[in-house]
Amino acid sequence: IFKAALDAHLIALSIMGLLTSAVAAYYYLRLVVVMYMQPAPV
């Protein structure tokens, strides 16, 4: 997707897309942390 955007000279949109993907990593990894690093409720 970002390769197609860069080929079409959508550089700013590609950069913003990559930055928002980094934001997404936080809430997805939050689920992984809860599964493996928090004990199950009593």
Full PDB file with SEQRES, HELIX, SHEET, SSBOND, CRYST1, ORIGX, SCALE, CONECT and MASTER records, all heavy atoms in Angstrom:
SEQRES   1 A   42  ILE PHE LYS ALA ALA LEU ASP ALA HIS LEU ILE ALA LEU          
SEQRES   2 A   42  SER ILE MET GLY LEU LEU THR SER ALA VAL ALA ALA TYR          
SEQRES   3 A   42  TYR TYR LEU ARG LEU VAL VAL VAL MET TYR MET GLN PRO          
SEQRES   4 A   42  ALA PRO VAL                                                  
HELIX    1 AA1 PHE A    2  ASP A    7  1                                   6    
HELIX    2 AA2 ILE A   11  MET A   37  1                                  27    
CRYST1    1.000    1.000    1.000  90.00  90.00  90.00 P 1           1          
ORIGX1      1.000000  0.000000  0.000000        0.00000                         
ORIGX2      0.000000  1.000000  0.000000        0.00000                         
ORIGX3      0.000000  0.000000  1.000000        0.00000                         
SCALE1      1.000000  0.000000  0.000000        0.00000                         
SCALE2      0.000000  1.000000  0.000000        0.00000                         
SCALE3      0.000000  0.000000  1.000000        0.00000                         
ATOM      1  N   ILE A   1       0.830  -1.203   0.000  1.00  0.00           N  
ATOM      2  CA  ILE A   1       0.000   0.000   0.000  1.00  0.00           C  
ATOM      3  C   ILE A   1       0.866   1.256   0.000  1.00  0.00           C  
ATOM      4  O   ILE A   1       0.662   2.189  -0.797  1.00  0.00           O  
ATOM      5  CB  ILE A   1      -0.965  -0.008   1.201  1.00  0.00           C  
ATOM      6  CG1 ILE A   1      -2.190  -0.873   0.879  1.00  0.00           C  
ATOM      7  CG2 ILE A   1      -1.409   1.409   1.567  1.00  0.00           C  
ATOM      8  CD1 ILE A   1      -3.179  -0.991   2.012  1.00  0.00           C  
ATOM      9  N   PHE A   2       1.837   1.301   0.881  1.00  0.00           N  
ATOM     10  CA  PHE A   2       2.672   2.498   0.954  1.00  0.00           C  
ATOM     11  C   PHE A   2       3.613   2.600  -0.247  1.00  0.00           C  
ATOM     12  O   PHE A   2       3.992   3.701  -0.656  1.00  0.00           O  
ATOM     13  CB  PHE A   2       3.443   2.520   2.271  1.00  0.00           C  
ATOM     14  CG  PHE A   2       2.550   2.696   3.468  1.00  0.00           C  
ATOM     15  CD1 PHE A   2       2.614   1.843   4.556  1.00  0.00           C  
ATOM     16  CD2 PHE A   2       1.609   3.711   3.497  1.00  0.00           C  
ATOM     17  CE1 PHE A   2       1.785   2.007   5.647  1.00  0.00           C  
ATOM     18  CE2 PHE A   2       0.762   3.890   4.582  1.00  0.00           C  
ATOM     19  CZ  PHE A   2       0.852   3.030   5.667  1.00  0.00           C  
ATOM     20  N   LYS A   3       3.982   1.466  -0.831  1.00  0.00           N  
ATOM     21  CA  LYS A   3       4.760   1.513  -2.067  1.00  0.00           C  
ATOM     22  C   LYS A   3       3.938   2.143  -3.187  1.00  0.00           C  
ATOM     23  O   LYS A   3       4.435   2.976  -3.952  1.00  0.00           O  
ATOM     24  CB  LYS A   3       5.202   0.112  -2.474  1.00  0.00           C  
ATOM     25  CG  LYS A   3       6.024   0.074  -3.774  1.00  0.00           C  
ATOM     26  CD  LYS A   3       6.401  -1.332  -4.144  1.00  0.00           C  
ATOM     27  CE  LYS A   3       7.278  -1.357  -5.408  1.00  0.00           C  
ATOM     28  NZ  LYS A   3       6.587  -0.750  -6.571  1.00  0.00           N  
ATOM     29  N   ALA A   4       2.658   1.736  -3.289  1.00  0.00           N  
ATOM     30  CA  ALA A   4       1.784   2.329  -4.301  1.00  0.00           C  
ATOM     31  C   ALA A   4       1.616   3.824  -4.062  1.00  0.00           C  
ATOM     32  O   ALA A   4       1.597   4.622  -5.010  1.00  0.00           O  
ATOM     33  CB  ALA A   4       0.424   1.632  -4.288  1.00  0.00           C  
ATOM     34  N   ALA A   5       1.513   4.215  -2.788  1.00  0.00           N  
ATOM     35  CA  ALA A   5       1.369   5.639  -2.468  1.00  0.00           C  
ATOM     36  C   ALA A   5       2.629   6.419  -2.838  1.00  0.00           C  
ATOM     37  O   ALA A   5       2.550   7.528  -3.386  1.00  0.00           O  
ATOM     38  CB  ALA A   5       1.051   5.801  -0.985  1.00  0.00           C  
ATOM     39  N   LEU A   6       3.783   5.858  -2.553  1.00  0.00           N  
ATOM     40  CA  LEU A   6       5.030   6.537  -2.903  1.00  0.00           C  
ATOM     41  C   LEU A   6       5.214   6.632  -4.408  1.00  0.00           C  
ATOM     42  O   LEU A   6       5.699   7.653  -4.919  1.00  0.00           O  
ATOM     43  CB  LEU A   6       6.215   5.800  -2.268  1.00  0.00           C  
ATOM     44  CG  LEU A   6       6.316   5.895  -0.741  1.00  0.00           C  
ATOM     45  CD1 LEU A   6       7.420   5.000  -0.217  1.00  0.00           C  
ATOM     46  CD2 LEU A   6       6.544   7.340  -0.302  1.00  0.00           C  
ATOM     47  N   ASP A   7       4.825   5.580  -5.123  1.00  0.00           N  
ATOM     48  CA  ASP A   7       4.903   5.625  -6.587  1.00  0.00           C  
ATOM     49  C   ASP A   7       4.011   6.722  -7.156  1.00  0.00           C  
ATOM     50  O   ASP A   7       4.310   7.277  -8.222  1.00  0.00           O  
ATOM     51  CB  ASP A   7       4.503   4.273  -7.183  1.00  0.00           C  
ATOM     52  CG  ASP A   7       5.545   3.192  -6.927  1.00  0.00           C  
ATOM     53  OD1 ASP A   7       6.680   3.542  -6.545  1.00  0.00           O  
ATOM     54  OD2 ASP A   7       5.221   2.000  -7.091  1.00  0.00           O  
ATOM     55  N   ALA A   8       2.906   7.015  -6.446  1.00  0.00           N  
ATOM     56  CA  ALA A   8       1.993   8.070  -6.880  1.00  0.00           C  
ATOM     57  C   ALA A   8       2.359   9.422  -6.270  1.00  0.00           C  
ATOM     58  O   ALA A   8       1.562  10.373  -6.355  1.00  0.00           O  
ATOM     59  CB  ALA A   8       0.557   7.701  -6.509  1.00  0.00           C  
ATOM     60  N   HIS A   9       3.538   9.489  -5.630  1.00  0.00           N  
ATOM     61  CA  HIS A   9       4.052  10.734  -5.026  1.00  0.00           C  
ATOM     62  C   HIS A   9       3.177  11.218  -3.875  1.00  0.00           C  
ATOM     63  O   HIS A   9       3.097  12.421  -3.612  1.00  0.00           O  
ATOM     64  CB  HIS A   9       4.187  11.838  -6.087  1.00  0.00           C  
ATOM     65  CG  HIS A   9       4.994  11.421  -7.277  1.00  0.00           C  
ATOM     66  ND1 HIS A   9       6.356  11.167  -7.224  1.00  0.00           N  
ATOM     67  CD2 HIS A   9       4.628  11.171  -8.569  1.00  0.00           C  
ATOM     68  CE1 HIS A   9       6.796  10.805  -8.412  1.00  0.00           C  
ATOM     69  NE2 HIS A   9       5.770  10.786  -9.253  1.00  0.00           N  
ATOM     70  N   LEU A  10       2.559  10.297  -3.148  1.00  0.00           N  
ATOM     71  CA  LEU A  10       1.774  10.641  -1.963  1.00  0.00           C  
ATOM     72  C   LEU A  10       2.670  10.478  -0.739  1.00  0.00           C  
ATOM     73  O   LEU A  10       2.412   9.663   0.152  1.00  0.00           O  
ATOM     74  CB  LEU A  10       0.534   9.750  -1.869  1.00  0.00           C  
ATOM     75  CG  LEU A  10      -0.411   9.773  -3.067  1.00  0.00           C  
ATOM     76  CD1 LEU A  10      -1.535   8.753  -2.884  1.00  0.00           C  
ATOM     77  CD2 LEU A  10      -0.999  11.173  -3.264  1.00  0.00           C  
ATOM     78  N   ILE A  11       3.715  11.273  -0.693  1.00  0.00           N  
ATOM     79  CA  ILE A  11       4.744  11.092   0.339  1.00  0.00           C  
ATOM     80  C   ILE A  11       4.216  11.452   1.723  1.00  0.00           C  
ATOM     81  O   ILE A  11       4.401  10.699   2.689  1.00  0.00           O  
ATOM     82  CB  ILE A  11       5.987  11.934  -0.011  1.00  0.00           C  
ATOM     83  CG1 ILE A  11       6.572  11.461  -1.347  1.00  0.00           C  
ATOM     84  CG2 ILE A  11       7.030  11.835   1.099  1.00  0.00           C  
ATOM     85  CD1 ILE A  11       7.708  12.323  -1.855  1.00  0.00           C  
ATOM     86  N   ALA A  12       3.546  12.587   1.847  1.00  0.00           N  
ATOM     87  CA  ALA A  12       3.035  13.007   3.156  1.00  0.00           C  
ATOM     88  C   ALA A  12       2.018  12.007   3.692  1.00  0.00           C  
ATOM     89  O   ALA A  12       2.023  11.675   4.891  1.00  0.00           O  
ATOM     90  CB  ALA A  12       2.407  14.394   3.042  1.00  0.00           C  
ATOM     91  N   LEU A  13       1.150  11.497   2.820  1.00  0.00           N  
ATOM     92  CA  LEU A  13       0.148  10.525   3.254  1.00  0.00           C  
ATOM     93  C   LEU A  13       0.814   9.219   3.701  1.00  0.00           C  
ATOM     94  O   LEU A  13       0.380   8.602   4.676  1.00  0.00           O  
ATOM     95  CB  LEU A  13      -0.831  10.254   2.103  1.00  0.00           C  
ATOM     96  CG  LEU A  13      -2.055   9.397   2.434  1.00  0.00           C  
ATOM     97  CD1 LEU A  13      -2.894  10.043   3.529  1.00  0.00           C  
ATOM     98  CD2 LEU A  13      -2.902   9.176   1.188  1.00  0.00           C  
ATOM     99  N   SER A  14       1.867   8.824   3.015  1.00  0.00           N  
ATOM    100  CA  SER A  14       2.594   7.609   3.404  1.00  0.00           C  
ATOM    101  C   SER A  14       3.241   7.778   4.777  1.00  0.00           C  
ATOM    102  O   SER A  14       3.189   6.864   5.615  1.00  0.00           O  
ATOM    103  CB  SER A  14       3.663   7.283   2.362  1.00  0.00           C  
ATOM    104  OG  SER A  14       3.089   7.060   1.093  1.00  0.00           O  
ATOM    105  N   ILE A  15       3.832   8.934   5.011  1.00  0.00           N  
ATOM    106  CA  ILE A  15       4.476   9.179   6.312  1.00  0.00           C  
ATOM    107  C   ILE A  15       3.439   9.153   7.426  1.00  0.00           C  
ATOM    108  O   ILE A  15       3.655   8.520   8.486  1.00  0.00           O  
ATOM    109  CB  ILE A  15       5.215  10.527   6.292  1.00  0.00           C  
ATOM    110  CG1 ILE A  15       6.408  10.454   5.326  1.00  0.00           C  
ATOM    111  CG2 ILE A  15       5.686  10.909   7.693  1.00  0.00           C  
ATOM    112  CD1 ILE A  15       7.099  11.786   5.102  1.00  0.00           C  
ATOM    113  N   MET A  16       2.305   9.792   7.219  1.00  0.00           N  
ATOM    114  CA  MET A  16       1.257   9.797   8.238  1.00  0.00           C  
ATOM    115  C   MET A  16       0.707   8.391   8.457  1.00  0.00           C  
ATOM    116  O   MET A  16       0.372   8.007   9.581  1.00  0.00           O  
ATOM    117  CB  MET A  16       0.143  10.751   7.826  1.00  0.00           C  
ATOM    118  CG  MET A  16       0.540  12.215   7.823  1.00  0.00           C  
ATOM    119  SD  MET A  16       1.153  12.772   9.440  1.00  0.00           S  
ATOM    120  CE  MET A  16      -0.289  12.488  10.465  1.00  0.00           C  
ATOM    121  N   GLY A  17       0.605   7.619   7.383  1.00  0.00           N  
ATOM    122  CA  GLY A  17       0.138   6.243   7.532  1.00  0.00           C  
ATOM    123  C   GLY A  17       1.080   5.410   8.382  1.00  0.00           C  
ATOM    124  O   GLY A  17       0.646   4.625   9.230  1.00  0.00           O  
ATOM    125  N   LEU A  18       2.391   5.588   8.178  1.00  0.00           N  
ATOM    126  CA  LEU A  18       3.369   4.854   8.976  1.00  0.00           C  
ATOM    127  C   LEU A  18       3.330   5.291  10.435  1.00  0.00           C  
ATOM    128  O   LEU A  18       3.458   4.460  11.348  1.00  0.00           O  
ATOM    129  CB  LEU A  18       4.766   5.065   8.397  1.00  0.00           C  
ATOM    130  CG  LEU A  18       5.028   4.403   7.034  1.00  0.00           C  
ATOM    131  CD1 LEU A  18       6.349   4.876   6.444  1.00  0.00           C  
ATOM    132  CD2 LEU A  18       5.014   2.886   7.162  1.00  0.00           C  
ATOM    133  N   LEU A  19       3.135   6.576  10.675  1.00  0.00           N  
ATOM    134  CA  LEU A  19       3.067   7.066  12.050  1.00  0.00           C  
ATOM    135  C   LEU A  19       1.826   6.539  12.772  1.00  0.00           C  
ATOM    136  O   LEU A  19       1.902   6.150  13.948  1.00  0.00           O  
ATOM    137  CB  LEU A  19       3.079   8.601  12.063  1.00  0.00           C  
ATOM    138  CG  LEU A  19       4.385   9.267  11.625  1.00  0.00           C  
ATOM    139  CD1 LEU A  19       4.235  10.782  11.580  1.00  0.00           C  
ATOM    140  CD2 LEU A  19       5.526   8.876  12.566  1.00  0.00           C  
ATOM    141  N   THR A  20       0.705   6.523  12.082  1.00  0.00           N  
ATOM    142  CA  THR A  20      -0.508   5.989  12.721  1.00  0.00           C  
ATOM    143  C   THR A  20      -0.402   4.479  12.936  1.00  0.00           C  
ATOM    144  O   THR A  20      -0.988   3.945  13.881  1.00  0.00           O  
ATOM    145  CB  THR A  20      -1.745   6.306  11.873  1.00  0.00           C  
ATOM    146  OG1 THR A  20      -1.578   5.788  10.540  1.00  0.00           O  
ATOM    147  CG2 THR A  20      -2.000   7.805  11.809  1.00  0.00           C  
ATOM    148  N   SER A  21       0.353   3.791  12.092  1.00  0.00           N  
ATOM    149  CA  SER A  21       0.594   2.365  12.324  1.00  0.00           C  
ATOM    150  C   SER A  21       1.371   2.148  13.614  1.00  0.00           C  
ATOM    151  O   SER A  21       1.147   1.160  14.327  1.00  0.00           O  
ATOM    152  CB  SER A  21       1.367   1.761  11.146  1.00  0.00           C  
ATOM    153  OG  SER A  21       0.595   1.770   9.961  1.00  0.00           O  
ATOM    154  N   ALA A  22       2.275   3.073  13.919  1.00  0.00           N  
ATOM    155  CA  ALA A  22       3.010   2.986  15.181  1.00  0.00           C  
ATOM    156  C   ALA A  22       2.073   3.178  16.364  1.00  0.00           C  
ATOM    157  O   ALA A  22       2.206   2.517  17.403  1.00  0.00           O  
ATOM    158  CB  ALA A  22       4.126   4.031  15.205  1.00  0.00           C  
ATOM    159  N   VAL A  23       1.097   4.065  16.215  1.00  0.00           N  
ATOM    160  CA  VAL A  23       0.096   4.251  17.273  1.00  0.00           C  
ATOM    161  C   VAL A  23      -0.705   2.972  17.464  1.00  0.00           C  
ATOM    162  O   VAL A  23      -0.987   2.547  18.597  1.00  0.00           O  
ATOM    163  CB  VAL A  23      -0.838   5.427  16.918  1.00  0.00           C  
ATOM    164  CG1 VAL A  23      -1.980   5.528  17.925  1.00  0.00           C  
ATOM    165  CG2 VAL A  23      -0.061   6.731  16.864  1.00  0.00           C  
ATOM    166  N   ALA A  24      -1.053   2.321  16.357  1.00  0.00           N  
ATOM    167  CA  ALA A  24      -1.838   1.089  16.432  1.00  0.00           C  
ATOM    168  C   ALA A  24      -1.086  -0.004  17.179  1.00  0.00           C  
ATOM    169  O   ALA A  24      -1.697  -0.841  17.864  1.00  0.00           O  
ATOM    170  CB  ALA A  24      -2.199   0.609  15.025  1.00  0.00           C  
ATOM    171  N   ALA A  25       0.234  -0.019  17.051  1.00  0.00           N  
ATOM    172  CA  ALA A  25       1.024  -1.047  17.737  1.00  0.00           C  
ATOM    173  C   ALA A  25       0.790  -1.005  19.239  1.00  0.00           C  
ATOM    174  O   ALA A  25       0.809  -2.055  19.907  1.00  0.00           O  
ATOM    175  CB  ALA A  25       2.501  -0.854  17.431  1.00  0.00           C  
ATOM    176  N   TYR A  26       0.520   0.175  19.794  1.00  0.00           N  
ATOM    177  CA  TYR A  26       0.326   0.287  21.244  1.00  0.00           C  
ATOM    178  C   TYR A  26      -0.902  -0.487  21.699  1.00  0.00           C  
ATOM    179  O   TYR A  26      -0.830  -1.288  22.633  1.00  0.00           O  
ATOM    180  CB  TYR A  26       0.198   1.762  21.649  1.00  0.00           C  
ATOM    181  CG  TYR A  26      -0.164   1.938  23.110  1.00  0.00           C  
ATOM    182  CD1 TYR A  26       0.823   1.878  24.084  1.00  0.00           C  
ATOM    183  CD2 TYR A  26      -1.488   2.141  23.497  1.00  0.00           C  
ATOM    184  CE1 TYR A  26       0.500   2.016  25.428  1.00  0.00           C  
ATOM    185  CE2 TYR A  26      -1.816   2.275  24.834  1.00  0.00           C  
ATOM    186  CZ  TYR A  26      -0.829   2.210  25.788  1.00  0.00           C  
ATOM    187  OH  TYR A  26      -1.151   2.338  27.115  1.00  0.00           O  
ATOM    188  N   TYR A  27      -2.047  -0.249  21.047  1.00  0.00           N  
ATOM    189  CA  TYR A  27      -3.246  -0.911  21.577  1.00  0.00           C  
ATOM    190  C   TYR A  27      -3.313  -2.389  21.194  1.00  0.00           C  
ATOM    191  O   TYR A  27      -3.954  -3.176  21.909  1.00  0.00           O  
ATOM    192  CB  TYR A  27      -4.535  -0.165  21.184  1.00  0.00           C  
ATOM    193  CG  TYR A  27      -4.810   0.011  19.717  1.00  0.00           C  
ATOM    194  CD1 TYR A  27      -5.372  -1.005  18.959  1.00  0.00           C  
ATOM    195  CD2 TYR A  27      -4.580   1.229  19.082  1.00  0.00           C  
ATOM    196  CE1 TYR A  27      -5.667  -0.833  17.613  1.00  0.00           C  
ATOM    197  CE2 TYR A  27      -4.867   1.415  17.745  1.00  0.00           C  
ATOM    198  CZ  TYR A  27      -5.420   0.390  17.020  1.00  0.00           C  
ATOM    199  OH  TYR A  27      -5.722   0.562  15.688  1.00  0.00           O  
ATOM    200  N   TYR A  28      -2.674  -2.803  20.121  1.00  0.00           N  
ATOM    201  CA  TYR A  28      -2.616  -4.239  19.826  1.00  0.00           C  
ATOM    202  C   TYR A  28      -1.700  -4.951  20.815  1.00  0.00           C  
ATOM    203  O   TYR A  28      -2.046  -6.023  21.348  1.00  0.00           O  
ATOM    204  CB  TYR A  28      -2.118  -4.471  18.400  1.00  0.00           C  
ATOM    205  CG  TYR A  28      -3.101  -4.092  17.322  1.00  0.00           C  
ATOM    206  CD1 TYR A  28      -2.705  -3.283  16.255  1.00  0.00           C  
ATOM    207  CD2 TYR A  28      -4.421  -4.540  17.352  1.00  0.00           C  
ATOM    208  CE1 TYR A  28      -3.599  -2.931  15.244  1.00  0.00           C  
ATOM    209  CE2 TYR A  28      -5.317  -4.193  16.350  1.00  0.00           C  
ATOM    210  CZ  TYR A  28      -4.900  -3.395  15.302  1.00  0.00           C  
ATOM    211  OH  TYR A  28      -5.780  -3.054  14.318  1.00  0.00           O  
ATOM    212  N   LEU A  29      -0.520  -4.372  21.077  1.00  0.00           N  
ATOM    213  CA  LEU A  29       0.405  -4.993  22.018  1.00  0.00           C  
ATOM    214  C   LEU A  29      -0.127  -4.954  23.446  1.00  0.00           C  
ATOM    215  O   LEU A  29       0.247  -5.782  24.281  1.00  0.00           O  
ATOM    216  CB  LEU A  29       1.767  -4.302  21.949  1.00  0.00           C  
ATOM    217  CG  LEU A  29       2.543  -4.534  20.647  1.00  0.00           C  
ATOM    218  CD1 LEU A  29       3.842  -3.733  20.650  1.00  0.00           C  
ATOM    219  CD2 LEU A  29       2.847  -6.018  20.452  1.00  0.00           C  
ATOM    220  N   ARG A  30      -1.007  -4.020  23.708  1.00  0.00           N  
ATOM    221  CA  ARG A  30      -1.651  -3.969  25.026  1.00  0.00           C  
ATOM    222  C   ARG A  30      -2.423  -5.262  25.294  1.00  0.00           C  
ATOM    223  O   ARG A  30      -2.407  -5.798  26.416  1.00  0.00           O  
ATOM    224  CB  ARG A  30      -2.593  -2.763  25.074  1.00  0.00           C  
ATOM    225  CG  ARG A  30      -3.399  -2.619  26.352  1.00  0.00           C  
ATOM    226  CD  ARG A  30      -4.379  -1.481  26.207  1.00  0.00           C  
ATOM    227  NE  ARG A  30      -5.303  -1.400  27.330  1.00  0.00           N  
ATOM    228  CZ  ARG A  30      -6.425  -0.694  27.297  1.00  0.00           C  
ATOM    229  NH1 ARG A  30      -6.746  -0.006  26.202  1.00  0.00           N  
ATOM    230  NH2 ARG A  30      -7.230  -0.665  28.342  1.00  0.00           N  
ATOM    231  N   LEU A  31      -3.072  -5.801  24.263  1.00  0.00           N  
ATOM    232  CA  LEU A  31      -3.794  -7.061  24.420  1.00  0.00           C  
ATOM    233  C   LEU A  31      -2.821  -8.205  24.689  1.00  0.00           C  
ATOM    234  O   LEU A  31      -3.097  -9.097  25.501  1.00  0.00           O  
ATOM    235  CB  LEU A  31      -4.615  -7.359  23.168  1.00  0.00           C  
ATOM    236  CG  LEU A  31      -5.678  -6.333  22.762  1.00  0.00           C  
ATOM    237  CD1 LEU A  31      -6.430  -6.802  21.527  1.00  0.00           C  
ATOM    238  CD2 LEU A  31      -6.652  -6.076  23.898  1.00  0.00           C  
ATOM    239  N   VAL A  32      -1.676  -8.193  24.013  1.00  0.00           N  
ATOM    240  CA  VAL A  32      -0.675  -9.235  24.233  1.00  0.00           C  
ATOM    241  C   VAL A  32      -0.148  -9.170  25.658  1.00  0.00           C  
ATOM    242  O   VAL A  32       0.027 -10.199  26.330  1.00  0.00           O  
ATOM    243  CB  VAL A  32       0.469  -9.095  23.214  1.00  0.00           C  
ATOM    244  CG1 VAL A  32       1.547 -10.146  23.472  1.00  0.00           C  
ATOM    245  CG2 VAL A  32      -0.056  -9.218  21.794  1.00  0.00           C  
ATOM    246  N   VAL A  33       0.100  -7.966  26.153  1.00  0.00           N  
ATOM    247  CA  VAL A  33       0.577  -7.787  27.524  1.00  0.00           C  
ATOM    248  C   VAL A  33      -0.433  -8.331  28.525  1.00  0.00           C  
ATOM    249  O   VAL A  33      -0.070  -9.035  29.484  1.00  0.00           O  
ATOM    250  CB  VAL A  33       0.869  -6.297  27.799  1.00  0.00           C  
ATOM    251  CG1 VAL A  33       1.121  -6.065  29.290  1.00  0.00           C  
ATOM    252  CG2 VAL A  33       2.073  -5.833  26.992  1.00  0.00           C  
ATOM    253  N   VAL A  34      -1.699  -8.037  28.314  1.00  0.00           N  
ATOM    254  CA  VAL A  34      -2.746  -8.513  29.223  1.00  0.00           C  
ATOM    255  C   VAL A  34      -2.804 -10.037  29.215  1.00  0.00           C  
ATOM    256  O   VAL A  34      -2.933 -10.678  30.267  1.00  0.00           O  
ATOM    257  CB  VAL A  34      -4.111  -7.913  28.829  1.00  0.00           C  
ATOM    258  CG1 VAL A  34      -5.245  -8.586  29.608  1.00  0.00           C  
ATOM    259  CG2 VAL A  34      -4.123  -6.412  29.081  1.00  0.00           C  
ATOM    260  N   MET A  35      -2.679 -10.652  28.036  1.00  0.00           N  
ATOM    261  CA  MET A  35      -2.774 -12.113  27.945  1.00  0.00           C  
ATOM    262  C   MET A  35      -1.632 -12.808  28.671  1.00  0.00           C  
ATOM    263  O   MET A  35      -1.829 -13.841  29.316  1.00  0.00           O  
ATOM    264  CB  MET A  35      -2.771 -12.538  26.470  1.00  0.00           C  
ATOM    265  CG  MET A  35      -4.058 -12.305  25.736  1.00  0.00           C  
ATOM    266  SD  MET A  35      -4.077 -13.176  24.161  1.00  0.00           S  
ATOM    267  CE  MET A  35      -2.750 -12.360  23.285  1.00  0.00           C  
ATOM    268  N   TYR A  36      -0.419 -12.254  28.565  1.00  0.00           N  
ATOM    269  CA  TYR A  36       0.758 -12.967  29.061  1.00  0.00           C  
ATOM    270  C   TYR A  36       1.324 -12.421  30.371  1.00  0.00           C  
ATOM    271  O   TYR A  36       2.065 -13.131  31.062  1.00  0.00           O  
ATOM    272  CB  TYR A  36       1.865 -12.940  28.004  1.00  0.00           C  
ATOM    273  CG  TYR A  36       1.583 -13.823  26.821  1.00  0.00           C  
ATOM    274  CD1 TYR A  36       1.132 -13.287  25.614  1.00  0.00           C  
ATOM    275  CD2 TYR A  36       1.753 -15.199  26.887  1.00  0.00           C  
ATOM    276  CE1 TYR A  36       0.869 -14.098  24.514  1.00  0.00           C  
ATOM    277  CE2 TYR A  36       1.492 -16.021  25.800  1.00  0.00           C  
ATOM    278  CZ  TYR A  36       1.044 -15.456  24.616  1.00  0.00           C  
ATOM    279  OH  TYR A  36       0.783 -16.271  23.540  1.00  0.00           O  
ATOM    280  N   MET A  37       1.012 -11.190  30.722  1.00  0.00           N  
ATOM    281  CA  MET A  37       1.673 -10.567  31.868  1.00  0.00           C  
ATOM    282  C   MET A  37       0.725 -10.182  32.985  1.00  0.00           C  
ATOM    283  O   MET A  37       1.162  -9.578  33.975  1.00  0.00           O  
ATOM    284  CB  MET A  37       2.459  -9.325  31.405  1.00  0.00           C  
ATOM    285  CG  MET A  37       3.543  -9.641  30.406  1.00  0.00           C  
ATOM    286  SD  MET A  37       4.518  -8.208  29.945  1.00  0.00           S  
ATOM    287  CE  MET A  37       5.606  -8.916  28.708  1.00  0.00           C  
ATOM    288  N   GLN A  38      -0.546 -10.483  32.837  1.00  0.00           N  
ATOM    289  CA  GLN A  38      -1.495 -10.236  33.917  1.00  0.00           C  
ATOM    290  C   GLN A  38      -2.163 -11.545  34.313  1.00  0.00           C  
ATOM    291  O   GLN A  38      -2.543 -12.327  33.438  1.00  0.00           O  
ATOM    292  CB  GLN A  38      -2.552  -9.214  33.491  1.00  0.00           C  
ATOM    293  CG  GLN A  38      -2.019  -7.804  33.300  1.00  0.00           C  
ATOM    294  CD  GLN A  38      -3.118  -6.799  33.021  1.00  0.00           C  
ATOM    295  OE1 GLN A  38      -4.305  -7.101  33.151  1.00  0.00           O  
ATOM    296  NE2 GLN A  38      -2.719  -5.585  32.643  1.00  0.00           N  
ATOM    297  N   PRO A  39      -2.299 -11.797  35.600  1.00  0.00           N  
ATOM    298  CA  PRO A  39      -2.923 -13.050  36.030  1.00  0.00           C  
ATOM    299  C   PRO A  39      -4.426 -13.037  35.764  1.00  0.00           C  
ATOM    300  O   PRO A  39      -5.057 -11.973  35.714  1.00  0.00           O  
ATOM    301  CB  PRO A  39      -2.630 -13.090  37.529  1.00  0.00           C  
ATOM    302  CG  PRO A  39      -2.497 -11.643  37.909  1.00  0.00           C  
ATOM    303  CD  PRO A  39      -1.867 -10.955  36.730  1.00  0.00           C  
ATOM    304  N   ALA A  40      -4.977 -14.202  35.586  1.00  0.00           N  
ATOM    305  CA  ALA A  40      -6.417 -14.314  35.376  1.00  0.00           C  
ATOM    306  C   ALA A  40      -7.161 -13.924  36.645  1.00  0.00           C  
ATOM    307  O   ALA A  40      -6.671 -14.164  37.753  1.00  0.00           O  
ATOM    308  CB  ALA A  40      -6.772 -15.741  34.974  1.00  0.00           C  
ATOM    309  N   PRO A  41      -8.340 -13.298  36.523  1.00  0.00           N  
ATOM    310  CA  PRO A  41      -9.126 -12.955  37.715  1.00  0.00           C  
ATOM    311  C   PRO A  41      -9.454 -14.197  38.543  1.00  0.00           C  
ATOM    312  O   PRO A  41      -9.587 -15.302  38.014  1.00  0.00           O  
ATOM    313  CB  PRO A  41     -10.396 -12.322  37.128  1.00  0.00           C  
ATOM    314  CG  PRO A  41     -10.009 -11.891  35.752  1.00  0.00           C  
ATOM    315  CD  PRO A  41      -8.982 -12.859  35.282  1.00  0.00           C  
ATOM    316  N   VAL A  42      -9.602 -14.009  39.842  1.00  0.00           N  
ATOM    317  CA  VAL A  42      -9.892 -15.132  40.734  1.00  0.00           C  
ATOM    318  C   VAL A  42     -11.215 -15.788  40.372  1.00  0.00           C  
ATOM    319  O   VAL A  42     -11.371 -17.008  40.456  1.00  0.00           O  
ATOM    320  CB  VAL A  42      -9.915 -14.638  42.199  1.00  0.00           C  
ATOM    321  CG1 VAL A  42     -10.265 -15.785  43.145  1.00  0.00           C  
ATOM    322  CG2 VAL A  42      -8.581 -14.021  42.581  1.00  0.00           C  
TER     323      VAL A  42                                                      
MASTER        0    0    0    2    0    0    0    6  322    1    0    4          
END                                                                             
